[in-house]
Amino acid sequence: MMRLLGLDPGLRLTGWGIIESEGTALRHVANGVVRTDAARSLAERLVELHDGLMAVLETWSPHEAAVEETFVNKNPLSTLKLGQARGVALLVPALKGLRVAEYAPNHIKKSVVGAGHAAKEQIHAMVTVLLPGVAISGADAADALAVAICHAHQRGGVALRAAECAAAAGEPGALQGGAASHSRIGRRR
């Protein structure tokens, strides 16, 4: 059983999600967000993020981690701050000796829903299909669980189940053609 941590980085809220993957089976373990205090300095907020993520790793002991890649925002300052938060999200699991994968947002969407331009609602719906009974702590945590699911797919074994779940749920934009279509999704490191 492989325990995987997905991270959706942000300076205000960083979503995290822990799943376990064994063969084609996925199991929800935990999810939540690390919040930083907007009244504090950037350096203090990055320390808050670091400490919060360290607590998640110490509590849940994942084996590997995956982080969503940063998109370029219209506001350069916001993009820089997001990049700094993302740097902390990459650093913390690496400090614990974990392998850290990175995935583009469209790759995560394609892996989880079957369509690279899926809406957030579609992603969240598929997370609940792939992790039955999950109680999601908010949009950032749902996105982090999607990152973890994407990483599980890239590690192999669950791509067919994702395609079957998408088809069974009647999700718009789900890949047609089953496992053959999903098997072309490449591994990213």
C-alpha atoms as a PDB file:
ATOM      1  CA  MET A   1       0.000   0.000   0.000  1.00  0.00           C
ATOM      2  CA  MET A   2       1.456   3.348  -1.100  1.00  0.00           C
ATOM      3  CA  ARG A   3       0.438   6.481   0.816  1.00  0.00           C
ATOM      4  CA  LEU A   4       0.436   9.571  -1.408  1.00  0.00           C
ATOM      5  CA  LEU A   5       0.245  13.271  -0.531  1.00  0.00           C
ATOM      6  CA  GLY A   6      -1.237  15.743  -3.012  1.00  0.00           C
ATOM      7  CA  LEU A   7      -0.664  19.482  -2.568  1.00  0.00           C
ATOM      8  CA  ASP A   8      -2.498  22.432  -4.109  1.00  0.00           C
ATOM      9  CA  PRO A   9      -0.202  25.322  -3.134  1.00  0.00           C
ATOM     10  CA  GLY A  10      -1.341  28.820  -2.280  1.00  0.00           C
ATOM     11  CA  LEU A  11      -0.084  31.519   0.054  1.00  0.00           C
ATOM     12  CA  ARG A  12      -3.437  32.041   1.813  1.00  0.00           C
ATOM     13  CA  LEU A  13      -4.629  28.416   1.658  1.00  0.00           C
ATOM     14  CA  THR A  14      -2.656  25.338   0.672  1.00  0.00           C
ATOM     15  CA  GLY A  15      -4.817  22.281   0.172  1.00  0.00           C
ATOM     16  CA  TRP A  16      -3.519  18.855   1.094  1.00  0.00           C
ATOM     17  CA  GLY A  17      -4.918  15.393   0.531  1.00  0.00           C
ATOM     18  CA  ILE A  18      -3.661  11.957   1.526  1.00  0.00           C
ATOM     19  CA  ILE A  19      -4.759   8.783  -0.246  1.00  0.00           C
ATOM     20  CA  GLU A  20      -3.590   5.194  -0.269  1.00  0.00           C
ATOM     21  CA  SER A  21      -3.146   3.336  -3.527  1.00  0.00           C
ATOM     22  CA  GLU A  22      -2.798  -0.409  -3.993  1.00  0.00           C
ATOM     23  CA  GLY A  23      -3.285  -1.890  -7.440  1.00  0.00           C
ATOM     24  CA  THR A  24      -6.509  -0.388  -8.745  1.00  0.00           C
ATOM     25  CA  ALA A  25      -7.818   0.492  -5.285  1.00  0.00           C
ATOM     26  CA  LEU A  26      -7.784   4.050  -3.947  1.00  0.00           C
ATOM     27  CA  ARG A  27      -8.644   4.917  -0.359  1.00  0.00           C
ATOM     28  CA  HIS A  28      -9.076   8.342   1.214  1.00  0.00           C
ATOM     29  CA  VAL A  29      -6.981   8.868   4.338  1.00  0.00           C
ATOM     30  CA  ALA A  30      -7.261  12.581   5.194  1.00  0.00           C
ATOM     31  CA  ASN A  31      -7.521  16.059   3.692  1.00  0.00           C
ATOM     32  CA  GLY A  32      -7.459  19.657   4.798  1.00  0.00           C
ATOM     33  CA  VAL A  33      -5.863  23.054   4.323  1.00  0.00           C
ATOM     34  CA  VAL A  34      -2.953  24.953   5.806  1.00  0.00           C
ATOM     35  CA  ARG A  35      -3.996  28.581   6.377  1.00  0.00           C
ATOM     36  CA  THR A  36      -1.627  31.502   6.739  1.00  0.00           C
ATOM     37  CA  ASP A  37      -2.391  34.801   8.441  1.00  0.00           C
ATOM     38  CA  ALA A  38      -2.693  37.577   5.821  1.00  0.00           C
ATOM     39  CA  ALA A  39      -1.768  40.176   8.467  1.00  0.00           C
ATOM     40  CA  ARG A  40       1.725  38.700   8.823  1.00  0.00           C
ATOM     41  CA  SER A  41       4.777  39.355   6.653  1.00  0.00           C
ATOM     42  CA  LEU A  42       5.485  37.174   3.621  1.00  0.00           C
ATOM     43  CA  ALA A  43       8.410  35.515   5.406  1.00  0.00           C
ATOM     44  CA  GLU A  44       6.244  34.719   8.442  1.00  0.00           C
ATOM     45  CA  ARG A  45       3.502  33.307   6.224  1.00  0.00           C
ATOM     46  CA  LEU A  46       5.991  31.044   4.456  1.00  0.00           C
ATOM     47  CA  VAL A  47       7.156  29.786   7.867  1.00  0.00           C
ATOM     48  CA  GLU A  48       3.499  29.120   8.806  1.00  0.00           C
ATOM     49  CA  LEU A  49       3.082  27.161   5.573  1.00  0.00           C
ATOM     50  CA  HIS A  50       6.294  25.218   6.206  1.00  0.00           C
ATOM     51  CA  ASP A  51       5.280  24.343   9.761  1.00  0.00           C
ATOM     52  CA  GLY A  52       1.743  23.370   8.745  1.00  0.00           C
ATOM     53  CA  LEU A  53       2.956  21.061   5.980  1.00  0.00           C
ATOM     54  CA  MET A  54       5.578  19.524   8.279  1.00  0.00           C
ATOM     55  CA  ALA A  55       2.782  18.717  10.744  1.00  0.00           C
ATOM     56  CA  VAL A  56       0.787  17.021   7.953  1.00  0.00           C
ATOM     57  CA  LEU A  57       3.797  14.892   6.976  1.00  0.00           C
ATOM     58  CA  GLU A  58       4.578  13.985  10.581  1.00  0.00           C
ATOM     59  CA  THR A  59       0.946  13.055  11.285  1.00  0.00           C
ATOM     60  CA  TRP A  60       0.196  11.039   8.123  1.00  0.00           C
ATOM     61  CA  SER A  61       3.644   9.726   7.009  1.00  0.00           C
ATOM     62  CA  PRO A  62       3.134   9.659   3.222  1.00  0.00           C
ATOM     63  CA  HIS A  63       5.585   7.746   1.010  1.00  0.00           C
ATOM     64  CA  GLU A  64       5.517  10.148  -1.968  1.00  0.00           C
ATOM     65  CA  ALA A  65       4.188  13.621  -2.729  1.00  0.00           C
ATOM     66  CA  ALA A  66       2.862  15.483  -5.757  1.00  0.00           C
ATOM     67  CA  VAL A  67       2.443  19.228  -6.235  1.00  0.00           C
ATOM     68  CA  GLU A  68       0.361  21.139  -8.771  1.00  0.00           C
ATOM     69  CA  GLU A  69       2.475  23.338 -11.050  1.00  0.00           C
ATOM     70  CA  THR A  70       1.974  27.097 -10.876  1.00  0.00           C
ATOM     71  CA  PHE A  71       0.019  28.886 -13.575  1.00  0.00           C
ATOM     72  CA  VAL A  72       0.951  32.421 -14.596  1.00  0.00           C
ATOM     73  CA  ASN A  73      -1.493  34.958 -13.202  1.00  0.00           C
ATOM     74  CA  LYS A  74      -2.292  38.347 -14.741  1.00  0.00           C
ATOM     75  CA  ASN A  75      -0.863  39.944 -11.596  1.00  0.00           C
ATOM     76  CA  PRO A  76       2.930  39.374 -11.537  1.00  0.00           C
ATOM     77  CA  LEU A  77       3.152  39.940  -7.757  1.00  0.00           C
ATOM     78  CA  SER A  78       0.480  37.298  -7.109  1.00  0.00           C
ATOM     79  CA  THR A  79       2.323  34.883  -9.401  1.00  0.00           C
ATOM     80  CA  LEU A  80       5.580  35.460  -7.502  1.00  0.00           C
ATOM     81  CA  LYS A  81       3.903  34.878  -4.133  1.00  0.00           C
ATOM     82  CA  LEU A  82       2.239  31.711  -5.413  1.00  0.00           C
ATOM     83  CA  GLY A  83       5.620  30.550  -6.700  1.00  0.00           C
ATOM     84  CA  GLN A  84       7.150  31.102  -3.273  1.00  0.00           C
ATOM     85  CA  ALA A  85       4.373  29.107  -1.592  1.00  0.00           C
ATOM     86  CA  ARG A  86       4.856  26.391  -4.192  1.00  0.00           C
ATOM     87  CA  GLY A  87       8.572  26.357  -3.384  1.00  0.00           C
ATOM     88  CA  VAL A  88       7.731  25.605   0.255  1.00  0.00           C
ATOM     89  CA  ALA A  89       5.286  22.893  -0.892  1.00  0.00           C
ATOM     90  CA  LEU A  90       8.102  21.263  -2.893  1.00  0.00           C
ATOM     91  CA  LEU A  91      10.698  21.743  -0.154  1.00  0.00           C
ATOM     92  CA  VAL A  92       8.876  20.257   2.833  1.00  0.00           C
ATOM     93  CA  PRO A  93       8.343  16.711   1.460  1.00  0.00           C
ATOM     94  CA  ALA A  94      11.826  16.777  -0.090  1.00  0.00           C
ATOM     95  CA  LEU A  95      13.287  17.593   3.346  1.00  0.00           C
ATOM     96  CA  LYS A  96      11.541  14.458   4.645  1.00  0.00           C
ATOM     97  CA  GLY A  97      13.194  12.402   1.882  1.00  0.00           C
ATOM     98  CA  LEU A  98      10.042  11.918  -0.203  1.00  0.00           C
ATOM     99  CA  ARG A  99       9.989  11.703  -3.987  1.00  0.00           C
ATOM    100  CA  VAL A 100       8.100  14.793  -5.191  1.00  0.00           C
ATOM    101  CA  ALA A 101       6.311  14.808  -8.559  1.00  0.00           C
ATOM    102  CA  GLU A 102       4.904  17.876 -10.295  1.00  0.00           C
ATOM    103  CA  TYR A 103       1.872  17.993 -12.584  1.00  0.00           C
ATOM    104  CA  ALA A 104       0.359  20.720 -14.746  1.00  0.00           C
ATOM    105  CA  PRO A 105      -3.269  21.627 -13.932  1.00  0.00           C
ATOM    106  CA  ASN A 106      -4.534  20.343 -17.310  1.00  0.00           C
ATOM    107  CA  HIS A 107      -2.687  17.050 -16.797  1.00  0.00           C
ATOM    108  CA  ILE A 108      -4.353  16.612 -13.397  1.00  0.00           C
ATOM    109  CA  LYS A 109      -7.781  17.334 -14.901  1.00  0.00           C
ATOM    110  CA  LYS A 110      -7.210  14.891 -17.752  1.00  0.00           C
ATOM    111  CA  SER A 111      -5.998  12.209 -15.371  1.00  0.00           C
ATOM    112  CA  VAL A 112      -8.914  12.559 -12.943  1.00  0.00           C
ATOM    113  CA  VAL A 113     -11.831  13.520 -15.222  1.00  0.00           C
ATOM    114  CA  GLY A 114     -10.610  12.548 -18.673  1.00  0.00           C
ATOM    115  CA  ALA A 115     -10.677  16.092 -20.062  1.00  0.00           C
ATOM    116  CA  GLY A 116      -7.850  18.610 -19.699  1.00  0.00           C
ATOM    117  CA  HIS A 117     -10.187  21.588 -19.505  1.00  0.00           C
ATOM    118  CA  ALA A 118     -12.675  20.150 -17.011  1.00  0.00           C
ATOM    119  CA  ALA A 119     -14.508  22.500 -14.667  1.00  0.00           C
ATOM    120  CA  LYS A 120     -13.756  22.466 -10.939  1.00  0.00           C
ATOM    121  CA  GLU A 121     -17.185  20.965 -10.297  1.00  0.00           C
ATOM    122  CA  GLN A 122     -16.368  18.005 -12.564  1.00  0.00           C
ATOM    123  CA  ILE A 123     -13.068  17.437 -10.764  1.00  0.00           C
ATOM    124  CA  HIS A 124     -14.698  17.530  -7.336  1.00  0.00           C
ATOM    125  CA  ALA A 125     -17.457  15.172  -8.509  1.00  0.00           C
ATOM    126  CA  MET A 126     -14.887  12.662  -9.791  1.00  0.00           C
ATOM    127  CA  VAL A 127     -12.905  12.889  -6.548  1.00  0.00           C
ATOM    128  CA  THR A 128     -16.044  11.799  -4.677  1.00  0.00           C
ATOM    129  CA  VAL A 129     -16.608   8.970  -7.186  1.00  0.00           C
ATOM    130  CA  LEU A 130     -13.009   7.745  -6.942  1.00  0.00           C
ATOM    131  CA  LEU A 131     -12.919   8.119  -3.138  1.00  0.00           C
ATOM    132  CA  PRO A 132     -16.398   6.991  -1.990  1.00  0.00           C
ATOM    133  CA  GLY A 133     -17.562   8.468   1.298  1.00  0.00           C
ATOM    134  CA  VAL A 134     -14.925  11.203   1.365  1.00  0.00           C
ATOM    135  CA  ALA A 135     -15.769  14.353   3.343  1.00  0.00           C
ATOM    136  CA  ILE A 136     -13.823  17.112   1.587  1.00  0.00           C
ATOM    137  CA  SER A 137     -12.593  20.084   3.656  1.00  0.00           C
ATOM    138  CA  GLY A 138     -13.126  22.619   0.851  1.00  0.00           C
ATOM    139  CA  ALA A 139     -12.142  23.400  -2.726  1.00  0.00           C
ATOM    140  CA  ASP A 140      -8.392  23.539  -2.041  1.00  0.00           C
ATOM    141  CA  ALA A 141      -8.453  20.155  -0.305  1.00  0.00           C
ATOM    142  CA  ALA A 142     -10.482  18.673  -3.198  1.00  0.00           C
ATOM    143  CA  ASP A 143      -7.888  19.968  -5.655  1.00  0.00           C
ATOM    144  CA  ALA A 144      -5.117  18.443  -3.528  1.00  0.00           C
ATOM    145  CA  LEU A 145      -6.904  15.077  -3.533  1.00  0.00           C
ATOM    146  CA  ALA A 146      -7.112  15.355  -7.340  1.00  0.00           C
ATOM    147  CA  VAL A 147      -3.326  15.903  -7.422  1.00  0.00           C
ATOM    148  CA  ALA A 148      -2.833  12.775  -5.292  1.00  0.00           C
ATOM    149  CA  ILE A 149      -5.180  10.759  -7.540  1.00  0.00           C
ATOM    150  CA  CYS A 150      -3.306  11.990 -10.618  1.00  0.00           C
ATOM    151  CA  HIS A 151      -0.046  10.851  -9.040  1.00  0.00           C
ATOM    152  CA  ALA A 152      -1.552   7.440  -8.284  1.00  0.00           C
ATOM    153  CA  HIS A 153      -2.568   7.173 -11.949  1.00  0.00           C
ATOM    154  CA  GLN A 154       0.935   8.034 -13.092  1.00  0.00           C
ATOM    155  CA  ARG A 155       2.359   5.390 -10.785  1.00  0.00           C
ATOM    156  CA  GLY A 156       0.116   2.928 -12.677  1.00  0.00           C
ATOM    157  CA  GLY A 157      -2.691   0.612 -11.748  1.00  0.00           C
ATOM    158  CA  VAL A 158      -5.686   2.913 -11.420  1.00  0.00           C
ATOM    159  CA  ALA A 159      -6.070   4.473 -14.872  1.00  0.00           C
ATOM    160  CA  LEU A 160      -8.585   1.841 -15.979  1.00  0.00           C
ATOM    161  CA  ARG A 161     -10.642   2.335 -12.808  1.00  0.00           C
ATOM    162  CA  ALA A 162     -10.707   6.101 -13.390  1.00  0.00           C
ATOM    163  CA  ALA A 163     -12.002   5.618 -16.933  1.00  0.00           C
ATOM    164  CA  GLU A 164     -14.632   3.162 -15.737  1.00  0.00           C
ATOM    165  CA  CYS A 165     -15.747   5.484 -12.910  1.00  0.00           C
ATOM    166  CA  ALA A 166     -15.999   8.448 -15.288  1.00  0.00           C
ATOM    167  CA  ALA A 167     -18.109   6.427 -17.699  1.00  0.00           C
ATOM    168  CA  ALA A 168     -20.284   5.015 -14.885  1.00  0.00           C
ATOM    169  CA  ALA A 169     -20.839   8.478 -13.435  1.00  0.00           C
ATOM    170  CA  GLY A 170     -21.767   9.800 -16.874  1.00  0.00           C
ATOM    171  CA  GLU A 171     -19.267  12.617 -16.465  1.00  0.00           C
ATOM    172  CA  PRO A 172     -19.253  15.049 -19.390  1.00  0.00           C
ATOM    173  CA  GLY A 173     -15.879  15.047 -21.079  1.00  0.00           C
ATOM    174  CA  ALA A 174     -14.902  11.589 -19.810  1.00  0.00           C
ATOM    175  CA  LEU A 175     -12.530   9.843 -22.161  1.00  0.00           C
ATOM    176  CA  GLN A 176     -14.089   7.476 -24.629  1.00  0.00           C
ATOM    177  CA  GLY A 177     -12.260   4.280 -25.425  1.00  0.00           C
ATOM    178  CA  GLY A 178     -11.544   3.117 -21.862  1.00  0.00           C
ATOM    179  CA  ALA A 179      -8.110   2.028 -20.737  1.00  0.00           C
ATOM    180  CA  ALA A 180      -6.460   2.424 -24.128  1.00  0.00           C
ATOM    181  CA  SER A 181      -7.114   6.158 -24.021  1.00  0.00           C
ATOM    182  CA  HIS A 182      -5.921   6.499 -20.428  1.00  0.00           C
ATOM    183  CA  SER A 183      -2.817   4.383 -20.993  1.00  0.00           C
ATOM    184  CA  ARG A 184      -1.343   7.136 -23.186  1.00  0.00           C
ATOM    185  CA  ILE A 185      -1.064   9.483 -20.226  1.00  0.00           C
ATOM    186  CA  GLY A 186       2.680   9.697 -19.672  1.00  0.00           C
ATOM    187  CA  ARG A 187       4.579   9.611 -16.435  1.00  0.00           C
ATOM    188  CA  ARG A 188       5.959  12.951 -15.252  1.00  0.00           C
ATOM    189  CA  ARG A 189       8.695  13.493 -12.739  1.00  0.00           C
END
